[in-house]
Amino acid sequence: MVAARRWAFIIVGLLLLLFGTVFALQGADFIKGSSLMSGNPTYIYVGAVLAVVGLVMTVLGVASRSRSA
């Protein structure tokens, strides 16, 4: 049960990190795509927050895994 929770933290964290990076790059107009998001500075901040949350979740998942090993 605990191992599944660790993996969930790692997987969700990596997904949030990926989505946050894409959001921030679209907001900064580096990646073209959605006409709503491309060039909209709001998505730079939203993406940065998502990426940071994802990074923290990933680190917590990996750190808890190495502590119990």
C-alpha atoms as a PDB file:
ATOM      1  CA  MET A   1       0.000   0.000   0.000  1.00  0.00           C
ATOM      2  CA  VAL A   2       2.773   2.441   0.877  1.00  0.00           C
ATOM      3  CA  ALA A   3       4.689   1.578  -2.293  1.00  0.00           C
ATOM      4  CA  ALA A   4       1.637   2.377  -4.405  1.00  0.00           C
ATOM      5  CA  ARG A   5       1.343   5.758  -2.713  1.00  0.00           C
ATOM      6  CA  ARG A   6       5.010   6.530  -3.426  1.00  0.00           C
ATOM      7  CA  TRP A   7       4.590   5.614  -7.083  1.00  0.00           C
ATOM      8  CA  ALA A   8       1.431   7.702  -7.269  1.00  0.00           C
ATOM      9  CA  PHE A   9       3.351  10.721  -5.947  1.00  0.00           C
ATOM     10  CA  ILE A  10       6.128  10.170  -8.476  1.00  0.00           C
ATOM     11  CA  ILE A  11       3.827   9.653 -11.462  1.00  0.00           C
ATOM     12  CA  VAL A  12       1.446  12.511 -10.639  1.00  0.00           C
ATOM     13  CA  GLY A  13       4.410  14.746  -9.854  1.00  0.00           C
ATOM     14  CA  LEU A  14       6.057  14.033 -13.190  1.00  0.00           C
ATOM     15  CA  LEU A  15       2.799  14.647 -15.049  1.00  0.00           C
ATOM     16  CA  LEU A  16       2.285  17.972 -13.267  1.00  0.00           C
ATOM     17  CA  LEU A  17       5.872  18.924 -14.025  1.00  0.00           C
ATOM     18  CA  LEU A  18       5.367  18.106 -17.703  1.00  0.00           C
ATOM     19  CA  PHE A  19       2.022  19.911 -18.000  1.00  0.00           C
ATOM     20  CA  GLY A  20       3.325  22.910 -16.065  1.00  0.00           C
ATOM     21  CA  THR A  21       6.332  23.203 -18.332  1.00  0.00           C
ATOM     22  CA  VAL A  22       4.154  23.033 -21.440  1.00  0.00           C
ATOM     23  CA  PHE A  23       1.735  25.625 -19.986  1.00  0.00           C
ATOM     24  CA  ALA A  24       4.584  28.004 -19.140  1.00  0.00           C
ATOM     25  CA  LEU A  25       6.230  27.608 -22.548  1.00  0.00           C
ATOM     26  CA  GLN A  26       2.918  28.188 -24.327  1.00  0.00           C
ATOM     27  CA  GLY A  27       2.234  31.222 -22.174  1.00  0.00           C
ATOM     28  CA  ALA A  28       5.673  32.572 -23.081  1.00  0.00           C
ATOM     29  CA  ASP A  29       4.855  31.879 -26.762  1.00  0.00           C
ATOM     30  CA  PHE A  30       7.718  29.391 -27.213  1.00  0.00           C
ATOM     31  CA  ILE A  31       5.303  26.606 -28.126  1.00  0.00           C
ATOM     32  CA  LYS A  32       2.486  27.351 -30.545  1.00  0.00           C
ATOM     33  CA  GLY A  33      -0.790  25.566 -30.136  1.00  0.00           C
ATOM     34  CA  SER A  34      -3.827  26.760 -28.278  1.00  0.00           C
ATOM     35  CA  SER A  35      -4.906  30.238 -29.322  1.00  0.00           C
ATOM     36  CA  LEU A  36      -6.140  30.750 -25.765  1.00  0.00           C
ATOM     37  CA  MET A  37      -2.828  29.908 -24.088  1.00  0.00           C
ATOM     38  CA  SER A  38      -0.194  30.989 -26.612  1.00  0.00           C
ATOM     39  CA  GLY A  39       1.270  34.341 -25.684  1.00  0.00           C
ATOM     40  CA  ASN A  40      -0.938  34.709 -22.586  1.00  0.00           C
ATOM     41  CA  PRO A  41       1.262  35.612 -19.572  1.00  0.00           C
ATOM     42  CA  THR A  42      -1.275  34.151 -17.127  1.00  0.00           C
ATOM     43  CA  TYR A  43      -0.283  30.673 -18.266  1.00  0.00           C
ATOM     44  CA  ILE A  44       3.379  31.363 -17.531  1.00  0.00           C
ATOM     45  CA  TYR A  45       2.451  31.722 -13.855  1.00  0.00           C
ATOM     46  CA  VAL A  46      -0.048  28.867 -13.844  1.00  0.00           C
ATOM     47  CA  GLY A  47       2.517  26.620 -15.522  1.00  0.00           C
ATOM     48  CA  ALA A  48       5.265  27.636 -13.118  1.00  0.00           C
ATOM     49  CA  VAL A  49       3.088  26.808 -10.108  1.00  0.00           C
ATOM     50  CA  LEU A  50       2.101  23.437 -11.602  1.00  0.00           C
ATOM     51  CA  ALA A  51       5.735  22.639 -12.403  1.00  0.00           C
ATOM     52  CA  VAL A  52       6.912  23.503  -8.884  1.00  0.00           C
ATOM     53  CA  VAL A  53       4.136  21.431  -7.282  1.00  0.00           C
ATOM     54  CA  GLY A  54       5.027  18.548  -9.605  1.00  0.00           C
ATOM     55  CA  LEU A  55       8.700  18.818  -8.759  1.00  0.00           C
ATOM     56  CA  VAL A  56       7.973  18.820  -5.015  1.00  0.00           C
ATOM     57  CA  MET A  57       5.671  15.792  -5.343  1.00  0.00           C
ATOM     58  CA  THR A  58       8.269  13.909  -7.376  1.00  0.00           C
ATOM     59  CA  VAL A  59      11.043  14.686  -4.892  1.00  0.00           C
ATOM     60  CA  LEU A  60       8.837  13.636  -1.967  1.00  0.00           C
ATOM     61  CA  GLY A  61       7.970  10.381  -3.710  1.00  0.00           C
ATOM     62  CA  VAL A  62      11.579   9.573  -4.502  1.00  0.00           C
ATOM     63  CA  ALA A  63      12.839  10.644  -1.066  1.00  0.00           C
ATOM     64  CA  SER A  64      10.290   8.536   0.787  1.00  0.00           C
ATOM     65  CA  ARG A  65      11.252   5.589  -1.377  1.00  0.00           C
ATOM     66  CA  SER A  66      14.944   5.878  -0.561  1.00  0.00           C
ATOM     67  CA  ARG A  67      14.344   6.390   3.185  1.00  0.00           C
ATOM     68  CA  SER A  68      12.478   3.149   3.623  1.00  0.00           C
ATOM     69  CA  ALA A  69      14.836   1.088   1.456  1.00  0.00           C
END
